[in-house]
């Protein structure tokens, strides 16, 4: 048989059960308010969502730009390494063939320019800061007139070899009316440093 529940006509705070229930209800309401503030379970406003989306899109754009810049940098480094290796393999020779290559180049160029080539002296020198390469300096004497010697220098400048004219000294001898120049050249080239090999 159902019971009749009659509420007391007057509720008193002196009743410990009522006071405890009231306190628990207030604490529960305070916890719910704090949870809503802390976790925002219902999401932000449309403006908040739009601003957050714009911020994330900007971060994504910056990350993509940084990735693109990094890829370009990697491509440039790889291209520079490949071109450097090509340069070294094309212009730097080994000590066993460098002397022959220089003499052959100077002889054929002097013959084409119409000047006489004297003996060549080779001096190997270390390249400061490199354990891999050496510099091979050559001192060579030439004799010929000014026009032919100018042609020789132009031909050397267009040579496919990596040859540097470091120093040039010219003197006109007194014999022959001063038409023939005596020229001394110091020529540098670079070789791959192979331990135990001599130029």
Foldseek 3Di string as FASTA:
>chain_A
DDDDDDDDPDDDCVPVVVVVVVVVVVVVVVVVVVCCVVPVVVDDDPVVVVVVVVVVVVVVVVVVVVVVVVVVVVVVVVVVVVVVVVCCVQAAAAQVCPVVVVVVVLVVLLVVLVKAKDDKDWDWAQDPPDPWKIKIKIKIKIKDFDNSVVSSVVVVVVDSYPKDFPDKDWDQDPPPPSRMIIMITIMMGMYTDDPPDHD
